[in-house]
């Protein structure tokens, strides 16, 4: 039977392993990452990795799940911080941008055969969209924005964030500002009827 100290050590080691895997996947992407690299980064032997995870894919899924759990927690905290609509929207986008920039670069190079990783992202993307949809719907109810389908709008915003992280804009703030500006003002300059 494991003692409490052994359980804590296992949790610490697993945490270090996930942190190392996060750094490796972010730095080189899923395809180029190896279990050897992750073990080295974590300061443990390769056999130890396999005591915690059956392989690179399971490790990736754990890392990706943790990244999305953390993002969703930050989005919820942002939603609880009641602010006027433009600041509320900007706050949500400001939480999403760095996560996409740092952790989703792996998805740009996925082959069509990488369906399990794409599925994982699609399943969790809906949770992110739901938080955007809530803010958009609330603004519609208050009469702050025109009526439109908030489901479609939330998908468009996610798409703009995704594109912004690959656009050459210099930093997270520039991406947030561009997405918020386009969302709130579009392309119209006031002269279009």
Protein backbone atom coordinates (compact mmCIF):
# COMPACT_ATOMS: atom_id res chain seq x y z
CA UNK A 1 0.00 0.00 0.00
CA UNK A 2 1.33 3.42 -0.97
CA UNK A 3 2.00 5.90 1.76
CA UNK A 4 0.79 9.48 1.58
CA UNK A 5 4.36 10.63 0.89
CA UNK A 6 4.63 8.22 -2.07
CA UNK A 7 1.29 9.42 -3.46
CA UNK A 8 2.43 13.04 -3.21
CA UNK A 9 5.72 12.18 -4.92
CA UNK A 10 3.80 10.44 -7.74
CA UNK A 11 1.61 13.53 -8.13
CA UNK A 12 4.68 15.81 -8.19
CA UNK A 13 6.42 13.59 -10.74
CA UNK A 14 3.29 13.41 -12.92
CA UNK A 15 2.97 17.21 -12.72
CA UNK A 16 6.61 17.69 -13.75
CA UNK A 17 6.07 15.27 -16.60
CA UNK A 18 3.01 17.18 -17.83
CA UNK A 19 4.86 20.51 -17.55
CA UNK A 20 7.78 19.11 -19.53
CA UNK A 21 5.45 17.66 -22.16
CA UNK A 22 3.66 21.01 -22.42
CA UNK A 23 6.95 22.78 -23.10
CA UNK A 24 8.08 20.20 -25.66
CA UNK A 25 4.75 20.09 -27.54
CA UNK A 26 4.62 23.91 -27.57
CA UNK A 27 8.20 24.20 -28.75
CA UNK A 28 8.38 21.53 -31.47
CA UNK A 29 4.79 20.33 -32.04
CA UNK A 30 3.27 16.91 -31.61
CA UNK A 31 4.91 15.19 -34.59
CA UNK A 32 8.46 16.26 -33.76
CA UNK A 33 8.12 15.61 -30.03
CA UNK A 34 9.46 12.33 -28.70
CA UNK A 35 8.98 10.52 -25.42
CA UNK A 36 12.78 10.68 -25.03
CA UNK A 37 12.70 14.49 -25.30
CA UNK A 38 9.85 14.74 -22.80
CA UNK A 39 11.56 12.42 -20.32
CA UNK A 40 14.81 14.38 -20.62
CA UNK A 41 12.98 17.70 -20.16
CA UNK A 42 11.25 16.31 -17.05
CA UNK A 43 14.52 14.96 -15.67
CA UNK A 44 13.23 11.38 -15.51
CA UNK A 45 13.91 8.17 -17.36
CA UNK A 46 11.84 7.11 -20.35
CA UNK A 47 10.48 4.01 -18.53
CA UNK A 48 9.04 6.33 -15.88
CA UNK A 49 7.03 8.14 -18.54
CA UNK A 50 5.41 4.84 -19.49
CA UNK A 51 4.46 4.20 -15.85
CA UNK A 52 2.25 7.26 -16.04
CA UNK A 53 1.14 7.25 -19.68
CA UNK A 54 0.95 4.44 -22.24
CA UNK A 55 2.47 6.61 -24.96
CA UNK A 56 2.96 10.02 -26.52
CA UNK A 57 -0.66 10.33 -27.62
CA UNK A 58 -2.03 9.70 -24.11
CA UNK A 59 0.47 12.20 -22.73
CA UNK A 60 -0.58 14.73 -25.34
CA UNK A 61 -4.26 14.24 -24.52
CA UNK A 62 -3.53 14.79 -20.82
CA UNK A 63 -1.57 17.97 -21.57
CA UNK A 64 -4.18 19.28 -23.98
CA UNK A 65 -6.99 18.49 -21.55
CA UNK A 66 -5.19 20.33 -18.77
CA UNK A 67 -4.52 23.35 -20.99
CA UNK A 68 -8.20 23.53 -21.91
CA UNK A 69 -9.32 23.00 -18.30
CA UNK A 70 -7.11 25.92 -17.27
CA UNK A 71 -8.46 28.08 -20.11
CA UNK A 72 -12.08 27.31 -19.22
CA UNK A 73 -11.40 28.19 -15.55
CA UNK A 74 -9.92 31.54 -16.62
CA UNK A 75 -12.88 32.19 -18.93
CA UNK A 76 -15.29 31.49 -16.07
CA UNK A 77 -13.37 33.86 -13.80
CA UNK A 78 -13.54 36.51 -16.53
CA UNK A 79 -17.29 35.98 -16.85
CA UNK A 80 -17.72 36.41 -13.10
CA UNK A 81 -16.00 39.78 -13.33
CA UNK A 82 -19.04 41.72 -14.53
CA UNK A 83 -17.99 44.56 -16.84
CA UNK A 84 -19.57 46.48 -19.68
CA UNK A 85 -19.99 44.37 -22.81
CA UNK A 86 -16.93 45.58 -24.79
CA UNK A 87 -14.62 44.96 -21.81
CA UNK A 88 -16.30 41.61 -21.06
CA UNK A 89 -15.78 40.46 -24.65
CA UNK A 90 -12.20 41.74 -24.67
CA UNK A 91 -11.53 39.93 -21.38
CA UNK A 92 -12.66 36.59 -22.82
CA UNK A 93 -10.67 37.07 -26.01
CA UNK A 94 -7.62 38.09 -23.95
CA UNK A 95 -7.81 34.74 -22.14
CA UNK A 96 -8.14 32.71 -25.35
CA UNK A 97 -5.40 34.34 -27.44
CA UNK A 98 -2.32 33.31 -25.41
CA UNK A 99 -3.59 29.75 -25.05
CA UNK A 100 -4.10 29.46 -28.80
CA UNK A 101 -0.71 31.04 -29.52
CA UNK A 102 1.24 28.93 -27.09
CA UNK A 103 -0.51 25.59 -27.13
CA UNK A 104 -2.38 25.21 -30.40
CA UNK A 105 0.50 25.57 -32.82
CA UNK A 106 0.59 21.76 -33.01
CA UNK A 107 -2.78 21.79 -34.79
CA UNK A 108 -1.55 23.81 -37.75
CA UNK A 109 0.60 20.91 -38.94
CA UNK A 110 -1.72 18.00 -38.26
CA UNK A 111 -2.25 15.54 -41.06
CA UNK A 112 -5.77 14.58 -42.03
CA UNK A 113 -5.11 11.25 -40.32
CA UNK A 114 -4.72 12.97 -36.94
CA UNK A 115 -8.44 12.73 -36.29
CA UNK A 116 -8.24 11.95 -32.56
CA UNK A 117 -6.42 15.21 -31.85
CA UNK A 118 -8.73 17.21 -34.10
CA UNK A 119 -11.73 15.56 -32.40
CA UNK A 120 -10.36 16.51 -29.00
CA UNK A 121 -10.09 20.14 -30.06
CA UNK A 122 -13.55 20.19 -31.68
CA UNK A 123 -15.17 18.71 -28.58
CA UNK A 124 -13.64 21.27 -26.28
CA UNK A 125 -14.00 24.18 -28.68
CA UNK A 126 -17.74 24.09 -28.03
CA UNK A 127 -17.11 24.90 -24.36
CA UNK A 128 -15.11 27.96 -25.31
CA UNK A 129 -17.74 29.05 -27.82
CA UNK A 130 -20.47 28.66 -25.17
CA UNK A 131 -18.85 31.31 -23.01
CA UNK A 132 -18.58 33.73 -25.94
CA UNK A 133 -22.17 32.93 -26.92
CA UNK A 134 -23.35 33.78 -23.38
CA UNK A 135 -21.75 37.24 -23.52
CA UNK A 136 -23.08 37.92 -27.03
CA UNK A 137 -26.60 36.78 -26.14
CA UNK A 138 -26.58 38.91 -22.98
CA UNK A 139 -25.52 41.97 -25.03
CA UNK A 140 -28.35 41.28 -27.50
CA UNK A 141 -30.92 41.05 -24.69
CA UNK A 142 -29.66 44.41 -23.38
CA UNK A 143 -30.00 45.91 -26.87
CA UNK A 144 -26.30 46.68 -27.07
CA UNK A 145 -25.70 44.77 -30.29
CA UNK A 146 -27.89 43.94 -33.24
CA UNK A 147 -29.71 40.62 -33.51
CA UNK A 148 -27.76 37.79 -35.16
CA UNK A 149 -27.10 34.16 -34.44
CA UNK A 150 -24.74 34.08 -31.42
CA UNK A 151 -23.71 30.49 -32.29
CA UNK A 152 -22.36 31.62 -35.64
CA UNK A 153 -20.81 34.77 -34.17
CA UNK A 154 -18.97 32.82 -31.47
CA UNK A 155 -17.54 30.46 -34.12
CA UNK A 156 -16.46 33.45 -36.20
CA UNK A 157 -14.72 35.00 -33.18
CA UNK A 158 -12.86 31.74 -32.49
CA UNK A 159 -11.87 31.68 -36.17
CA UNK A 160 -10.60 35.26 -35.98
CA UNK A 161 -8.59 34.44 -32.86
CA UNK A 162 -7.14 31.37 -34.56
CA UNK A 163 -6.24 33.38 -37.66
CA UNK A 164 -4.88 36.22 -35.54
CA UNK A 165 -2.44 33.90 -33.80
CA UNK A 166 -1.02 33.04 -37.22
CA UNK A 167 -1.21 36.52 -38.73
CA UNK A 168 2.12 38.06 -37.93
CA UNK A 169 0.63 40.51 -35.44
CA UNK A 170 3.40 41.32 -32.96
CA UNK A 171 1.88 40.17 -29.67
CA UNK A 172 -1.19 38.95 -27.81
CA UNK A 173 -2.49 42.47 -27.16
CA UNK A 174 -2.41 43.33 -30.86
CA UNK A 175 -4.41 40.20 -31.66
CA UNK A 176 -6.96 40.93 -28.91
CA UNK A 177 -7.37 44.52 -30.10
CA UNK A 178 -7.80 43.45 -33.74
CA UNK A 179 -10.38 40.75 -32.96
CA UNK A 180 -12.36 42.98 -30.59
CA UNK A 181 -12.29 45.89 -33.05
CA UNK A 182 -13.42 43.75 -35.95
CA UNK A 183 -16.11 42.08 -33.85
CA UNK A 184 -17.52 45.36 -32.60
CA UNK A 185 -17.05 47.51 -35.71
CA UNK A 186 -16.63 45.21 -38.71
CA UNK A 187 -15.58 46.83 -41.94
CA UNK A 188 -18.19 49.60 -42.07
CA UNK A 189 -16.99 53.18 -41.74
CA UNK A 190 -20.42 54.64 -41.05
CA UNK A 191 -21.10 55.59 -44.68
CA UNK A 192 -22.52 52.23 -45.73
CA UNK A 193 -26.29 52.00 -45.67
